[in-house]
């Protein structure tokens, strides 16, 4: 059988692409090498941050473009996916603070360290705090499942345990080598995260990818009444949020060791883990550094941390999200749909050529 579009990878980005393409009337098959909802890539786990960049106008604008698409997915799926709990950034330079004042004058506020500490005593602050009430948390695993459900309702087919061993163009089609025989499609969308370079090397001009295993932890709050907005600290760059039932997730951003996604051990690297524990003890007086649980996730990083969302012939790629892309998931699906169907291109900063 020949499909309009074959999507490789049924994580968040692949499922969003399937939703957008199937809703546009395309016949879509999604090929997943593991099972739906597996824990080997970058889409597993219960929660992610939703926040607009404080000093990058382009990324801030894309975050707001994604918000109504999240609400649309909620309406279609009947699930709560985005909760606006508020979000804070601190440790910013004076220039970034002024950029925030300009970009977010109508939707944010700059608080002194003392004002912020009074409101959020679980944190330690030494610099002004940038507050965005519209930031919050996304329910990640719930969102991926919701995307798959609504995509399926529009006719998208999901095939699990279907690793793509290779792909090639032939007679105007793309042939994908999978167990049980080839799948043919007029277009292929590669949303395979850290496995992407292996699949499209030589077919599209990807920037170099660096795959790392990151190791945040969930920490137990010392007092139940503490309020925990989503947060980013820029010295060192760290992030976190409160996850109901699990505690407060804190991670040091993009500091993990390079790994092979097929042979990673899921275990925290001791020195990096000790640095995280020391960091939490220093900066989070409302958390108990002695009561925590380590977790593991993958980043597929580009040199600039900008994403790759672009098309070359019958191959579209959406990858390299560097641990920062989940808030854009339904928007990435829309970008992919437009690339496949001949609509508007994705922002130029996400192109193959930088």
Protein backbone atom coordinates (compact mmCIF):
# COMPACT_ATOMS: atom_id res chain seq x y z
CA UNK A 1 0.00 0.00 0.00
CA UNK A 2 1.17 3.53 -0.78
CA UNK A 3 0.43 6.27 1.74
CA UNK A 4 0.40 10.01 1.27
CA UNK A 5 2.73 10.44 4.26
CA UNK A 6 4.78 8.10 6.42
CA UNK A 7 5.82 9.53 9.78
CA UNK A 8 8.81 7.94 11.50
CA UNK A 9 8.50 8.16 15.28
CA UNK A 10 5.33 8.29 17.38
CA UNK A 11 6.56 10.56 20.13
CA UNK A 12 5.12 14.00 20.72
CA UNK A 13 6.28 15.57 17.45
CA UNK A 14 5.37 12.60 15.26
CA UNK A 15 1.96 12.27 16.86
CA UNK A 16 1.33 16.01 16.42
CA UNK A 17 2.35 15.77 12.76
CA UNK A 18 0.00 12.80 12.30
CA UNK A 19 -2.87 14.79 13.87
CA UNK A 20 -2.32 17.83 11.68
CA UNK A 21 -1.80 15.86 8.46
CA UNK A 22 -4.71 13.47 8.98
CA UNK A 23 -6.99 16.39 9.85
CA UNK A 24 -5.92 17.96 6.53
CA UNK A 25 -7.14 14.86 4.71
CA UNK A 26 -3.83 13.10 4.15
CA UNK A 27 -3.53 9.32 4.43
CA UNK A 28 -0.94 8.86 7.17
CA UNK A 29 0.93 5.91 8.65
CA UNK A 30 3.12 6.39 11.74
CA UNK A 31 5.96 3.91 12.20
CA UNK A 32 7.19 3.51 15.79
CA UNK A 33 10.19 1.32 16.55
CA UNK A 34 9.07 0.61 20.12
CA UNK A 35 5.57 0.81 21.65
CA UNK A 36 3.33 3.85 22.02
CA UNK A 37 4.25 5.78 25.15
CA UNK A 38 7.67 4.14 25.55
CA UNK A 39 10.34 5.64 27.81
CA UNK A 40 13.39 5.46 25.52
CA UNK A 41 13.09 8.83 23.79
CA UNK A 42 12.33 12.41 24.74
CA UNK A 43 8.53 12.42 25.08
CA UNK A 44 7.92 10.31 28.18
CA UNK A 45 7.30 11.61 31.68
CA UNK A 46 4.26 13.30 33.14
CA UNK A 47 5.06 17.02 32.85
CA UNK A 48 6.94 19.73 30.96
CA UNK A 49 7.35 23.49 31.37
CA UNK A 50 5.25 25.90 29.35
CA UNK A 51 6.82 29.35 29.29
CA UNK A 52 7.51 32.14 26.84
CA UNK A 53 11.17 33.03 26.37
CA UNK A 54 11.93 36.10 28.44
CA UNK A 55 14.35 37.77 26.00
CA UNK A 56 13.88 36.10 22.59
CA UNK A 57 11.06 37.78 20.69
CA UNK A 58 10.80 35.04 18.07
CA UNK A 59 10.49 32.18 20.53
CA UNK A 60 8.13 34.19 22.76
CA UNK A 61 5.84 34.78 19.76
CA UNK A 62 5.87 31.07 18.83
CA UNK A 63 4.96 30.14 22.41
CA UNK A 64 1.85 32.27 22.19
CA UNK A 65 1.00 30.78 18.78
CA UNK A 66 1.13 27.34 20.39
CA UNK A 67 -1.23 28.22 23.26
CA UNK A 68 -4.52 28.17 21.26
CA UNK A 69 -3.44 24.94 19.59
CA UNK A 70 -3.04 23.32 23.00
CA UNK A 71 -6.55 24.53 23.85
CA UNK A 72 -7.82 23.09 20.56
CA UNK A 73 -6.26 19.73 21.40
CA UNK A 74 -7.85 19.87 24.85
CA UNK A 75 -11.24 20.52 23.29
CA UNK A 76 -10.88 17.68 20.79
CA UNK A 77 -9.54 15.16 23.28
CA UNK A 78 -11.48 16.16 26.41
CA UNK A 79 -8.22 16.19 28.39
CA UNK A 80 -6.62 18.88 30.55
CA UNK A 81 -3.16 19.37 29.05
CA UNK A 82 -1.98 22.90 29.94
CA UNK A 83 -2.36 24.41 33.41
CA UNK A 84 -1.33 28.03 33.93
CA UNK A 85 0.41 27.91 37.31
CA UNK A 86 2.66 30.91 36.62
CA UNK A 87 6.35 30.88 35.86
CA UNK A 88 9.48 32.67 37.00
CA UNK A 89 12.98 33.31 35.65
CA UNK A 90 15.85 34.63 37.73
CA UNK A 91 19.60 35.06 37.45
CA UNK A 92 19.16 37.11 34.25
CA UNK A 93 21.49 39.83 32.99
CA UNK A 94 20.39 43.46 33.05
CA UNK A 95 20.01 43.36 29.25
CA UNK A 96 17.71 40.36 29.45
CA UNK A 97 15.63 42.01 32.15
CA UNK A 98 15.16 45.08 29.95
CA UNK A 99 14.25 42.84 27.00
CA UNK A 100 11.64 41.17 29.21
CA UNK A 101 10.18 44.54 30.18
CA UNK A 102 9.78 45.36 26.50
CA UNK A 103 8.46 41.97 25.32
CA UNK A 104 6.18 41.14 28.22
CA UNK A 105 5.02 44.52 29.54
CA UNK A 106 1.37 43.52 29.23
CA UNK A 107 1.67 39.95 30.50
CA UNK A 108 4.52 39.87 33.03
CA UNK A 109 6.12 41.66 35.95
CA UNK A 110 9.60 42.23 37.34
CA UNK A 111 9.83 41.59 41.08
CA UNK A 112 12.71 42.35 43.41
CA UNK A 113 14.48 39.41 44.99
CA UNK A 114 12.90 40.30 48.33
CA UNK A 115 9.39 40.51 46.88
CA UNK A 116 9.82 37.16 45.15
CA UNK A 117 11.21 35.46 48.26
CA UNK A 118 8.22 36.64 50.26
CA UNK A 119 5.83 35.17 47.71
CA UNK A 120 7.80 31.97 46.99
CA UNK A 121 9.84 31.12 50.13
CA UNK A 122 10.80 27.73 48.72
CA UNK A 123 13.35 29.50 46.49
CA UNK A 124 16.47 31.55 47.14
CA UNK A 125 16.77 34.66 44.96
CA UNK A 126 19.72 37.03 44.50
CA UNK A 127 18.55 38.94 41.43
CA UNK A 128 15.26 40.40 40.11
CA UNK A 129 12.65 37.79 39.24
CA UNK A 130 10.70 37.82 35.99
CA UNK A 131 7.14 36.60 36.53
CA UNK A 132 4.73 35.39 33.83
CA UNK A 133 1.27 34.41 35.13
CA UNK A 134 0.45 32.64 31.85
CA UNK A 135 3.28 30.13 32.16
CA UNK A 136 2.74 26.74 33.74
CA UNK A 137 2.95 23.02 33.17
CA UNK A 138 2.00 20.67 30.37
CA UNK A 139 0.95 17.07 30.98
CA UNK A 140 3.31 15.37 28.56
CA UNK A 141 2.35 11.69 28.47
CA UNK A 142 -1.33 12.66 28.55
CA UNK A 143 -0.73 15.02 25.62
CA UNK A 144 1.02 12.40 23.49
CA UNK A 145 -1.81 9.95 24.08
CA UNK A 146 -4.39 12.65 23.26
CA UNK A 147 -2.61 13.43 19.98
CA UNK A 148 -2.63 9.76 19.02
CA UNK A 149 -6.34 9.42 19.84
CA UNK A 150 -7.43 12.45 17.80
CA UNK A 151 -5.07 11.53 14.94
CA UNK A 152 -6.56 8.05 14.90
CA UNK A 153 -10.07 9.48 14.73
CA UNK A 154 -9.01 11.32 11.56
CA UNK A 155 -7.70 8.11 10.03
CA UNK A 156 -4.01 8.05 10.95
CA UNK A 157 -2.63 4.52 11.33
CA UNK A 158 -0.07 3.76 14.05
CA UNK A 159 2.22 0.76 13.66
CA UNK A 160 4.32 -0.24 16.68
CA UNK A 161 7.41 -2.45 16.77
CA UNK A 162 8.15 -1.15 13.27
CA UNK A 163 11.71 0.17 13.22
CA UNK A 164 12.70 1.82 9.95
CA UNK A 165 16.04 0.32 8.95
CA UNK A 166 16.58 2.55 5.94
CA UNK A 167 14.78 4.77 3.49
CA UNK A 168 15.37 5.64 -0.16
CA UNK A 169 13.63 7.44 -2.98
CA UNK A 170 12.50 5.35 -5.96
CA UNK A 171 10.13 6.10 -8.86
CA UNK A 172 8.86 9.26 -7.21
CA UNK A 173 8.13 7.56 -3.90
CA UNK A 174 9.98 7.07 -0.62
CA UNK A 175 10.49 3.42 0.31
CA UNK A 176 10.96 2.60 3.99
CA UNK A 177 12.47 -0.72 4.95
CA UNK A 178 10.53 -2.08 7.94
CA UNK A 179 9.96 -5.60 9.29
CA UNK A 180 7.46 -7.41 7.11
CA UNK A 181 8.30 -5.51 3.94
CA UNK A 182 8.64 -2.00 2.54
CA UNK A 183 6.24 0.85 3.20
CA UNK A 184 5.87 3.35 0.37
CA UNK A 185 4.84 6.96 0.70
CA UNK A 186 4.80 10.10 -1.39
CA UNK A 187 6.40 11.96 1.50
CA UNK A 188 8.20 10.96 4.68
CA UNK A 189 8.32 12.95 7.92
CA UNK A 190 11.17 12.07 10.26
CA UNK A 191 10.43 12.85 13.90
CA UNK A 192 12.77 10.28 15.39
CA UNK A 193 14.59 12.47 17.92
CA UNK A 194 18.13 11.22 18.57
CA UNK A 195 17.75 8.50 15.94
CA UNK A 196 17.12 11.08 13.18
CA UNK A 197 20.72 11.49 11.91
CA UNK A 198 21.03 7.75 11.29
CA UNK A 199 17.91 7.75 9.13
CA UNK A 200 18.44 10.86 7.02
CA UNK A 201 22.22 11.16 6.90
CA UNK A 202 23.10 12.02 3.32
CA UNK A 203 19.49 12.75 2.34
CA UNK A 204 19.16 16.18 3.98
CA UNK A 205 21.79 18.66 5.21
CA UNK A 206 21.31 18.22 8.96
CA UNK A 207 23.45 20.20 11.39
CA UNK A 208 25.49 17.98 13.72
CA UNK A 209 23.47 16.42 16.55
CA UNK A 210 24.72 15.71 20.05
CA UNK A 211 22.66 13.23 22.09
CA UNK A 212 22.84 13.52 25.88
CA UNK A 213 21.26 11.68 28.78
CA UNK A 214 19.96 14.20 31.29
CA UNK A 215 19.31 13.39 34.93
CA UNK A 216 16.89 15.63 36.83
CA UNK A 217 15.36 14.58 40.14
CA UNK A 218 12.06 14.88 41.95
CA UNK A 219 12.49 16.46 45.39
CA UNK A 220 10.07 16.39 48.30
CA UNK A 221 8.90 19.85 49.50
CA UNK A 222 9.53 20.51 53.19
CA UNK A 223 6.13 22.17 53.65
CA UNK A 224 2.90 21.37 51.83
CA UNK A 225 1.71 24.96 51.74
CA UNK A 226 4.59 26.21 49.55
CA UNK A 227 3.66 27.51 46.09
CA UNK A 228 5.78 26.27 43.18
CA UNK A 229 5.52 28.10 39.86
CA UNK A 230 7.41 26.68 36.90
CA UNK A 231 10.92 28.08 37.03
CA UNK A 232 14.17 28.67 35.18
CA UNK A 233 17.36 29.81 36.89
CA UNK A 234 20.05 31.23 34.61
CA UNK A 235 23.10 30.79 36.77
CA UNK A 236 23.65 27.85 36.31
CA UNK A 237 20.92 27.16 33.77
CA UNK A 238 18.41 24.98 35.54
CA UNK A 239 14.70 24.39 35.37
CA UNK A 240 11.85 22.80 37.24
CA UNK A 241 8.21 22.61 38.17
CA UNK A 242 5.88 21.01 40.65
CA UNK A 243 4.37 17.71 39.50
CA UNK A 244 1.35 16.56 41.51
CA UNK A 245 2.05 13.25 43.19
CA UNK A 246 5.79 13.29 42.47
CA UNK A 247 7.25 16.44 44.01
CA UNK A 248 9.29 19.27 42.53
CA UNK A 249 11.34 18.35 39.48
CA UNK A 250 14.70 20.13 39.26
CA UNK A 251 17.29 19.60 36.54
CA UNK A 252 20.50 21.19 35.35
CA UNK A 253 19.86 21.97 31.69
CA UNK A 254 21.93 20.22 28.99
CA UNK A 255 24.72 19.02 31.28
CA UNK A 256 24.40 15.26 30.76
CA UNK A 257 26.93 12.91 29.18
CA UNK A 258 26.79 12.00 25.50
CA UNK A 259 25.18 8.62 24.91
CA UNK A 260 24.04 6.24 22.21
CA UNK A 261 20.22 6.16 22.41
CA UNK A 262 20.25 2.39 21.87
CA UNK A 263 22.69 1.57 24.68
CA UNK A 264 22.07 4.23 27.35
CA UNK A 265 21.95 2.90 30.90
CA UNK A 266 19.32 5.28 32.39
CA UNK A 267 21.57 5.68 35.46
CA UNK A 268 22.67 9.07 36.87
CA UNK A 269 26.33 9.92 36.37
CA UNK A 270 27.65 10.29 39.96
CA UNK A 271 29.53 13.58 39.65
CA UNK A 272 26.73 15.34 37.80
CA UNK A 273 24.21 13.92 40.24
CA UNK A 274 26.22 15.22 43.20
CA UNK A 275 26.35 18.66 41.54
CA UNK A 276 22.55 18.69 41.24
CA UNK A 277 22.08 17.74 44.88
CA UNK A 278 24.51 20.44 45.98
CA UNK A 279 22.76 22.98 43.75
CA UNK A 280 19.34 22.18 45.23
CA UNK A 281 20.67 22.43 48.78
CA UNK A 282 22.07 25.88 47.96
CA UNK A 283 19.15 27.40 46.04
CA UNK A 284 15.94 25.70 47.26
CA UNK A 285 15.35 26.07 51.00
CA UNK A 286 11.86 24.62 50.53
CA UNK A 287 13.10 21.27 49.21
CA UNK A 288 14.59 18.31 51.05
CA UNK A 289 17.79 17.30 49.20
CA UNK A 290 17.82 14.02 51.13
CA UNK A 291 14.43 12.89 49.82
CA UNK A 292 14.55 12.68 46.04
CA UNK A 293 14.20 10.32 43.10
CA UNK A 294 16.43 10.38 40.02
CA UNK A 295 14.86 10.25 36.55
CA UNK A 296 16.39 10.02 33.08
CA UNK A 297 15.61 11.66 29.74
CA UNK A 298 17.23 12.25 26.37
CA UNK A 299 18.11 15.50 24.63
CA UNK A 300 18.89 15.69 20.91
CA UNK A 301 20.92 18.88 20.72
CA UNK A 302 21.92 21.11 17.81
CA UNK A 303 24.97 23.41 18.14
CA UNK A 304 22.74 26.50 18.54
CA UNK A 305 19.90 24.74 20.42
CA UNK A 306 17.59 25.91 17.62
CA UNK A 307 15.30 23.20 16.29
CA UNK A 308 15.35 21.61 12.84
CA UNK A 309 12.00 21.87 11.03
CA UNK A 310 12.58 21.83 7.29
CA UNK A 311 11.99 19.96 4.04
CA UNK A 312 14.27 18.66 1.28
CA UNK A 313 12.32 17.10 -1.59
CA UNK A 314 10.02 14.37 -0.25
CA UNK A 315 11.70 14.35 3.20
CA UNK A 316 10.65 16.62 6.07
CA UNK A 317 12.52 16.58 9.38
CA UNK A 318 11.41 17.86 12.78
CA UNK A 319 14.10 17.10 15.36
CA UNK A 320 16.88 18.60 17.46
CA UNK A 321 14.58 20.06 20.11
CA UNK A 322 17.36 20.29 22.70
CA UNK A 323 15.09 19.67 25.67
CA UNK A 324 13.09 22.82 24.95
CA UNK A 325 10.56 21.89 22.30
CA UNK A 326 7.62 20.30 24.08
CA UNK A 327 5.70 23.53 24.57
CA UNK A 328 5.57 23.88 20.78
CA UNK A 329 4.30 20.36 20.02
CA UNK A 330 0.98 21.18 18.28
CA UNK A 331 2.60 24.13 16.49
CA UNK A 332 5.39 21.86 15.20
CA UNK A 333 2.67 19.56 13.89
CA UNK A 334 1.18 22.51 12.01
CA UNK A 335 4.60 23.50 10.63
CA UNK A 336 5.16 19.94 9.40
CA UNK A 337 1.72 19.83 7.79
CA UNK A 338 2.42 23.06 5.92
CA UNK A 339 5.81 21.84 4.74
CA UNK A 340 4.30 18.62 3.41
CA UNK A 341 1.26 20.24 1.80
CA UNK A 342 3.05 23.24 0.31
CA UNK A 343 1.90 25.81 2.83
CA UNK A 344 3.98 28.39 4.63
CA UNK A 345 7.53 27.40 5.59
CA UNK A 346 8.62 27.09 9.20
CA UNK A 347 10.63 30.01 10.63
CA UNK A 348 13.94 30.37 8.84
CA UNK A 349 15.93 29.89 12.03
CA UNK A 350 14.78 26.24 12.02
CA UNK A 351 16.04 25.50 8.49
CA UNK A 352 18.75 23.02 7.53
CA UNK A 353 21.05 25.85 6.48
CA UNK A 354 21.76 28.29 9.32
